[in-house]
Amino acid sequence: MIAVWGRGDLSDEQWSVLESLLPVAGVHRMSAGRRRLVDGVRWRVRTGAPWRDLPGEYGPWQSVYGLFRRWHLL
């Protein structure tokens, strides 16, 4: 089981559905890290806080922002 940090983060069941819809990640990326980044994007969009205020448990804010920017342009 993957740890869920915040009350607004995806449950294991929600993540399993969403993960199957996401583009295939590179060989070096792990599912747990990707889930953490997605939850970070969701946290930032939900709260409206500045990217630099992203809680550390979601990873470096620059990584979360980079994911957001890549997907935002699709």
N, C-alpha and C. Protein backbone atom coordinates (compact mmCIF):
# COMPACT_ATOMS: atom_id res chain seq x y z
N MET A 1 0.84 -1.19 0.00
CA MET A 1 0.00 0.00 0.00
C MET A 1 0.88 1.25 0.00
N ILE A 2 0.49 2.23 -0.77
CA ILE A 2 1.22 3.50 -0.85
C ILE A 2 0.63 4.45 0.18
N ALA A 3 1.50 5.16 0.88
CA ALA A 3 1.04 6.10 1.90
C ALA A 3 0.30 7.26 1.25
N VAL A 4 -0.76 7.69 1.89
CA VAL A 4 -1.51 8.87 1.45
C VAL A 4 -1.30 9.94 2.51
N TRP A 5 -0.74 11.08 2.10
CA TRP A 5 -0.33 12.08 3.08
C TRP A 5 -1.42 13.03 3.52
N GLY A 6 -2.24 13.49 2.63
CA GLY A 6 -3.22 14.50 3.00
C GLY A 6 -4.63 14.02 2.78
N ARG A 7 -5.54 14.69 3.41
CA ARG A 7 -6.93 14.25 3.30
C ARG A 7 -7.50 14.44 1.90
N GLY A 8 -6.89 15.32 1.10
CA GLY A 8 -7.36 15.52 -0.26
C GLY A 8 -6.63 14.70 -1.29
N ASP A 9 -5.66 13.88 -0.86
CA ASP A 9 -4.89 13.09 -1.80
C ASP A 9 -5.70 11.91 -2.32
N LEU A 10 -5.25 11.36 -3.42
CA LEU A 10 -5.94 10.24 -4.04
C LEU A 10 -5.86 8.99 -3.17
N SER A 11 -6.97 8.26 -3.11
CA SER A 11 -6.96 6.96 -2.43
C SER A 11 -6.28 5.95 -3.35
N ASP A 12 -5.96 4.79 -2.82
CA ASP A 12 -5.35 3.73 -3.64
C ASP A 12 -6.26 3.36 -4.81
N GLU A 13 -7.55 3.28 -4.56
CA GLU A 13 -8.50 2.93 -5.61
C GLU A 13 -8.56 4.02 -6.69
N GLN A 14 -8.62 5.28 -6.28
CA GLN A 14 -8.64 6.38 -7.24
C GLN A 14 -7.35 6.40 -8.06
N TRP A 15 -6.21 6.19 -7.39
CA TRP A 15 -4.93 6.20 -8.10
C TRP A 15 -4.86 5.08 -9.13
N SER A 16 -5.36 3.90 -8.81
CA SER A 16 -5.28 2.78 -9.76
C SER A 16 -6.07 3.09 -11.03
N VAL A 17 -7.19 3.79 -10.90
CA VAL A 17 -7.97 4.18 -12.08
C VAL A 17 -7.22 5.26 -12.87
N LEU A 18 -6.75 6.28 -12.19
CA LEU A 18 -6.06 7.39 -12.86
C LEU A 18 -4.76 6.94 -13.51
N GLU A 19 -4.00 6.11 -12.82
CA GLU A 19 -2.70 5.68 -13.33
C GLU A 19 -2.82 5.00 -14.69
N SER A 20 -3.89 4.25 -14.88
CA SER A 20 -4.07 3.56 -16.16
C SER A 20 -4.37 4.53 -17.30
N LEU A 21 -4.77 5.75 -16.99
CA LEU A 21 -5.11 6.74 -18.01
C LEU A 21 -3.94 7.67 -18.35
N LEU A 22 -2.89 7.66 -17.53
CA LEU A 22 -1.76 8.56 -17.72
C LEU A 22 -0.83 8.04 -18.81
N PRO A 23 -0.10 8.97 -19.46
CA PRO A 23 0.91 8.51 -20.43
C PRO A 23 1.93 7.63 -19.74
N VAL A 24 2.50 6.71 -20.49
CA VAL A 24 3.49 5.79 -19.94
C VAL A 24 4.72 6.58 -19.49
N ALA A 25 5.16 6.32 -18.27
CA ALA A 25 6.33 7.01 -17.72
C ALA A 25 7.60 6.37 -18.26
N GLY A 26 8.69 7.12 -18.17
CA GLY A 26 9.99 6.58 -18.57
C GLY A 26 10.40 5.43 -17.68
N VAL A 27 11.40 4.72 -18.08
CA VAL A 27 11.86 3.53 -17.36
C VAL A 27 12.31 3.88 -15.95
N HIS A 28 12.86 5.05 -15.73
CA HIS A 28 13.45 5.41 -14.44
C HIS A 28 12.44 5.93 -13.42
N ARG A 29 11.23 6.15 -13.84
CA ARG A 29 10.26 6.71 -12.91
C ARG A 29 9.48 5.60 -12.23
N MET A 30 9.23 5.79 -10.95
CA MET A 30 8.47 4.81 -10.20
C MET A 30 7.05 5.32 -9.97
N SER A 31 6.11 4.43 -9.87
CA SER A 31 4.71 4.77 -9.69
C SER A 31 4.49 5.60 -8.43
N ALA A 32 5.16 5.26 -7.34
CA ALA A 32 4.96 5.98 -6.08
C ALA A 32 5.38 7.44 -6.22
N GLY A 33 6.48 7.69 -6.93
CA GLY A 33 6.93 9.06 -7.14
C GLY A 33 5.98 9.84 -8.01
N ARG A 34 5.46 9.18 -9.01
CA ARG A 34 4.51 9.83 -9.90
C ARG A 34 3.22 10.17 -9.16
N ARG A 35 2.79 9.28 -8.33
CA ARG A 35 1.58 9.54 -7.55
C ARG A 35 1.79 10.73 -6.63
N ARG A 36 2.95 10.81 -6.03
CA ARG A 36 3.27 11.92 -5.13
C ARG A 36 3.23 13.25 -5.89
N LEU A 37 3.77 13.27 -7.11
CA LEU A 37 3.75 14.49 -7.92
C LEU A 37 2.33 14.88 -8.31
N VAL A 38 1.52 13.90 -8.70
CA VAL A 38 0.13 14.17 -9.07
C VAL A 38 -0.63 14.73 -7.87
N ASP A 39 -0.43 14.13 -6.69
CA ASP A 39 -1.08 14.66 -5.49
C ASP A 39 -0.58 16.07 -5.18
N GLY A 40 0.68 16.36 -5.47
CA GLY A 40 1.22 17.70 -5.28
C GLY A 40 0.55 18.72 -6.19
N VAL A 41 0.36 18.34 -7.45
CA VAL A 41 -0.35 19.23 -8.38
C VAL A 41 -1.77 19.47 -7.89
N ARG A 42 -2.42 18.40 -7.49
CA ARG A 42 -3.80 18.53 -6.99
C ARG A 42 -3.86 19.42 -5.75
N TRP A 43 -2.87 19.30 -4.84
CA TRP A 43 -2.83 20.13 -3.63
C TRP A 43 -2.72 21.60 -4.01
N ARG A 44 -1.81 21.89 -4.93
CA ARG A 44 -1.56 23.28 -5.31
C ARG A 44 -2.79 23.88 -5.99
N VAL A 45 -3.42 23.13 -6.90
CA VAL A 45 -4.61 23.63 -7.60
C VAL A 45 -5.77 23.81 -6.61
N ARG A 46 -5.90 22.90 -5.67
CA ARG A 46 -6.98 22.97 -4.68
C ARG A 46 -6.81 24.15 -3.74
N THR A 47 -5.57 24.42 -3.31
CA THR A 47 -5.35 25.47 -2.32
C THR A 47 -5.09 26.85 -2.93
N GLY A 48 -4.55 26.86 -4.14
CA GLY A 48 -4.20 28.14 -4.76
C GLY A 48 -2.94 28.76 -4.17
N ALA A 49 -2.22 28.01 -3.36
CA ALA A 49 -1.00 28.51 -2.72
C ALA A 49 0.11 28.65 -3.76
N PRO A 50 1.11 29.47 -3.49
CA PRO A 50 2.26 29.56 -4.41
C PRO A 50 2.98 28.21 -4.50
N TRP A 51 3.58 27.93 -5.65
CA TRP A 51 4.29 26.67 -5.84
C TRP A 51 5.35 26.46 -4.78
N ARG A 52 6.04 27.51 -4.38
CA ARG A 52 7.12 27.38 -3.40
C ARG A 52 6.61 26.99 -2.01
N ASP A 53 5.32 27.11 -1.76
CA ASP A 53 4.74 26.73 -0.47
C ASP A 53 4.24 25.28 -0.46
N LEU A 54 4.50 24.55 -1.52
CA LEU A 54 4.08 23.15 -1.59
C LEU A 54 4.74 22.36 -0.46
N PRO A 55 3.96 21.59 0.32
CA PRO A 55 4.56 20.79 1.39
C PRO A 55 5.60 19.82 0.85
N GLY A 56 6.67 19.64 1.58
CA GLY A 56 7.79 18.80 1.16
C GLY A 56 7.44 17.36 0.88
N GLU A 57 6.38 16.83 1.48
CA GLU A 57 6.04 15.42 1.25
C GLU A 57 5.60 15.13 -0.19
N TYR A 58 5.33 16.18 -0.97
CA TYR A 58 4.98 15.99 -2.37
C TYR A 58 6.20 16.04 -3.28
N GLY A 59 7.35 16.28 -2.71
CA GLY A 59 8.58 16.36 -3.49
C GLY A 59 8.96 17.81 -3.73
N PRO A 60 10.07 18.03 -4.43
CA PRO A 60 10.51 19.38 -4.72
C PRO A 60 9.44 20.13 -5.53
N TRP A 61 9.16 21.36 -5.16
CA TRP A 61 8.12 22.11 -5.85
C TRP A 61 8.43 22.26 -7.33
N GLN A 62 9.72 22.31 -7.68
CA GLN A 62 10.09 22.46 -9.09
C GLN A 62 9.68 21.24 -9.91
N SER A 63 9.78 20.06 -9.32
CA SER A 63 9.37 18.83 -10.01
C SER A 63 7.86 18.78 -10.20
N VAL A 64 7.13 19.17 -9.18
CA VAL A 64 5.67 19.17 -9.25
C VAL A 64 5.22 20.20 -10.28
N TYR A 65 5.83 21.38 -10.25
CA TYR A 65 5.49 22.43 -11.20
C TYR A 65 5.82 21.98 -12.63
N GLY A 66 6.95 21.30 -12.82
CA GLY A 66 7.33 20.81 -14.14
C GLY A 66 6.29 19.85 -14.71
N LEU A 67 5.78 18.94 -13.86
CA LEU A 67 4.73 18.02 -14.29
C LEU A 67 3.48 18.80 -14.68
N PHE A 68 3.10 19.77 -13.85
CA PHE A 68 1.94 20.60 -14.13
C PHE A 68 2.09 21.31 -15.48
N ARG A 69 3.24 21.90 -15.73
CA ARG A 69 3.48 22.63 -16.98
C ARG A 69 3.42 21.69 -18.20
N ARG A 70 4.02 20.51 -18.08
CA ARG A 70 3.98 19.57 -19.20
C ARG A 70 2.54 19.16 -19.53
N TRP A 71 1.76 18.87 -18.51
CA TRP A 71 0.39 18.43 -18.74
C TRP A 71 -0.53 19.60 -19.08
N HIS A 72 -0.24 20.76 -18.56
CA HIS A 72 -1.07 21.94 -18.81
C HIS A 72 -1.07 22.29 -20.30
N LEU A 73 0.03 22.02 -20.97
CA LEU A 73 0.17 22.39 -22.37
C LEU A 73 -0.45 21.35 -23.31
N LEU A 74 -0.89 20.22 -22.78
CA LEU A 74 -1.49 19.18 -23.64
C LEU A 74 -2.88 19.53 -24.05
